[in-house]
């Protein structure tokens, strides 16, 4: 995903900051608070970026190389959920605990 395209997406997402924004301790960004859906619901979620070692962990698990364009995406955000999960792309999930930062 090219930088220009990703930046255009970020510009659209950032228009919803006026509804509320929150950054979790793990670096995940929540943008566009929608309490009418649920108390802690947000329109957009950008997960903390991955480093090269974490991307390699995914490749080892898949036993395949990840395309460079998707690696670039994962280095910007380890997945993204847009418009309350209407569009979602995910990366590495390293735990399934049901705590605020997961």
Protein backbone atom coordinates (compact mmCIF):
# COMPACT_ATOMS: atom_id res chain seq x y z
CA UNK A 1 0.00 0.00 0.00
CA UNK A 2 1.67 3.18 -1.16
CA UNK A 3 2.32 6.01 1.26
CA UNK A 4 0.07 8.37 -0.70
CA UNK A 5 -2.86 5.98 -0.59
CA UNK A 6 -2.37 5.25 3.11
CA UNK A 7 -2.12 8.96 3.88
CA UNK A 8 -5.41 9.57 2.06
CA UNK A 9 -7.07 6.94 4.24
CA UNK A 10 -5.60 8.56 7.37
CA UNK A 11 -6.94 11.95 6.27
CA UNK A 12 -10.44 10.49 5.99
CA UNK A 13 -10.16 8.74 9.36
CA UNK A 14 -8.84 11.85 11.10
CA UNK A 15 -11.99 13.77 10.12
CA UNK A 16 -13.76 11.69 12.78
CA UNK A 17 -11.46 12.81 15.62
CA UNK A 18 -14.04 15.42 16.61
CA UNK A 19 -16.21 12.51 17.83
CA UNK A 20 -13.43 11.44 20.18
CA UNK A 21 -10.00 9.86 20.03
CA UNK A 22 -8.22 7.53 22.40
CA UNK A 23 -4.79 5.90 22.36
CA UNK A 24 -4.43 2.69 24.37
CA UNK A 25 -1.26 1.92 26.32
CA UNK A 26 -0.23 -0.62 23.64
CA UNK A 27 -0.32 2.08 20.93
CA UNK A 28 -3.66 1.18 19.36
CA UNK A 29 -5.55 4.28 18.18
CA UNK A 30 -9.34 4.51 18.49
CA UNK A 31 -10.95 7.27 16.44
CA UNK A 32 -14.57 8.40 16.22
CA UNK A 33 -16.28 7.45 19.47
CA UNK A 34 -19.82 6.14 18.83
CA UNK A 35 -21.40 5.56 22.26
CA UNK A 36 -24.82 5.03 20.66
CA UNK A 37 -23.45 1.67 19.42
CA UNK A 38 -21.69 0.72 22.67
CA UNK A 39 -20.00 2.57 25.50
CA UNK A 40 -16.51 1.84 24.18
CA UNK A 41 -17.28 1.65 20.44
CA UNK A 42 -15.22 3.58 17.89
CA UNK A 43 -15.65 3.94 14.14
CA UNK A 44 -12.00 3.36 13.34
CA UNK A 45 -9.21 1.34 14.97
CA UNK A 46 -5.55 1.44 13.95
CA UNK A 47 -3.50 -1.20 15.70
CA UNK A 48 0.10 -0.64 16.86
CA UNK A 49 2.57 -1.11 13.97
CA UNK A 50 4.71 -4.24 13.68
CA UNK A 51 8.48 -4.39 13.53
CA UNK A 52 10.51 -6.57 11.15
CA UNK A 53 10.82 -9.43 13.66
CA UNK A 54 7.05 -9.59 14.15
CA UNK A 55 6.48 -9.61 10.38
CA UNK A 56 9.02 -12.43 10.07
CA UNK A 57 7.02 -14.34 12.72
CA UNK A 58 3.94 -14.14 10.49
CA UNK A 59 5.91 -15.27 7.45
CA UNK A 60 7.35 -18.22 9.38
CA UNK A 61 3.88 -19.22 10.54
CA UNK A 62 2.47 -18.97 7.01
CA UNK A 63 5.59 -20.51 5.46
CA UNK A 64 5.30 -17.81 2.78
CA UNK A 65 6.70 -14.38 2.18
CA UNK A 66 4.36 -11.46 2.68
CA UNK A 67 4.27 -9.06 -0.30
CA UNK A 68 6.32 -5.90 0.28
CA UNK A 69 3.25 -3.67 -0.04
CA UNK A 70 1.50 -5.51 2.82
CA UNK A 71 4.70 -5.46 4.89
CA UNK A 72 4.73 -1.67 4.46
CA UNK A 73 1.12 -1.57 5.63
CA UNK A 74 1.92 -3.69 8.72
CA UNK A 75 4.80 -1.37 9.57
CA UNK A 76 2.30 1.51 9.65
CA UNK A 77 -0.50 -0.35 11.42
CA UNK A 78 -0.87 -3.98 12.48
CA UNK A 79 -4.32 -4.01 11.01
CA UNK A 80 -7.09 -1.53 10.64
CA UNK A 81 -10.82 -1.56 11.23
CA UNK A 82 -12.80 1.10 9.39
CA UNK A 83 -16.38 2.21 9.89
CA UNK A 84 -17.04 -0.13 12.82
CA UNK A 85 -15.59 -3.22 11.08
CA UNK A 86 -17.23 -2.72 7.68
CA UNK A 87 -13.70 -2.84 6.22
CA UNK A 88 -11.00 -4.67 8.16
CA UNK A 89 -7.44 -5.87 7.49
CA UNK A 90 -5.53 -7.59 10.26
CA UNK A 91 -1.96 -8.56 11.04
CA UNK A 92 -0.38 -10.42 13.95
CA UNK A 93 -2.47 -11.21 17.01
CA UNK A 94 -0.24 -12.29 19.85
CA UNK A 95 -2.86 -12.92 22.53
CA UNK A 96 -6.57 -13.39 23.01
CA UNK A 97 -7.00 -11.92 26.49
CA UNK A 98 -10.10 -9.82 26.95
CA UNK A 99 -8.48 -6.79 28.47
CA UNK A 100 -8.72 -3.19 27.40
CA UNK A 101 -5.45 -3.21 25.47
CA UNK A 102 -6.09 -6.36 23.46
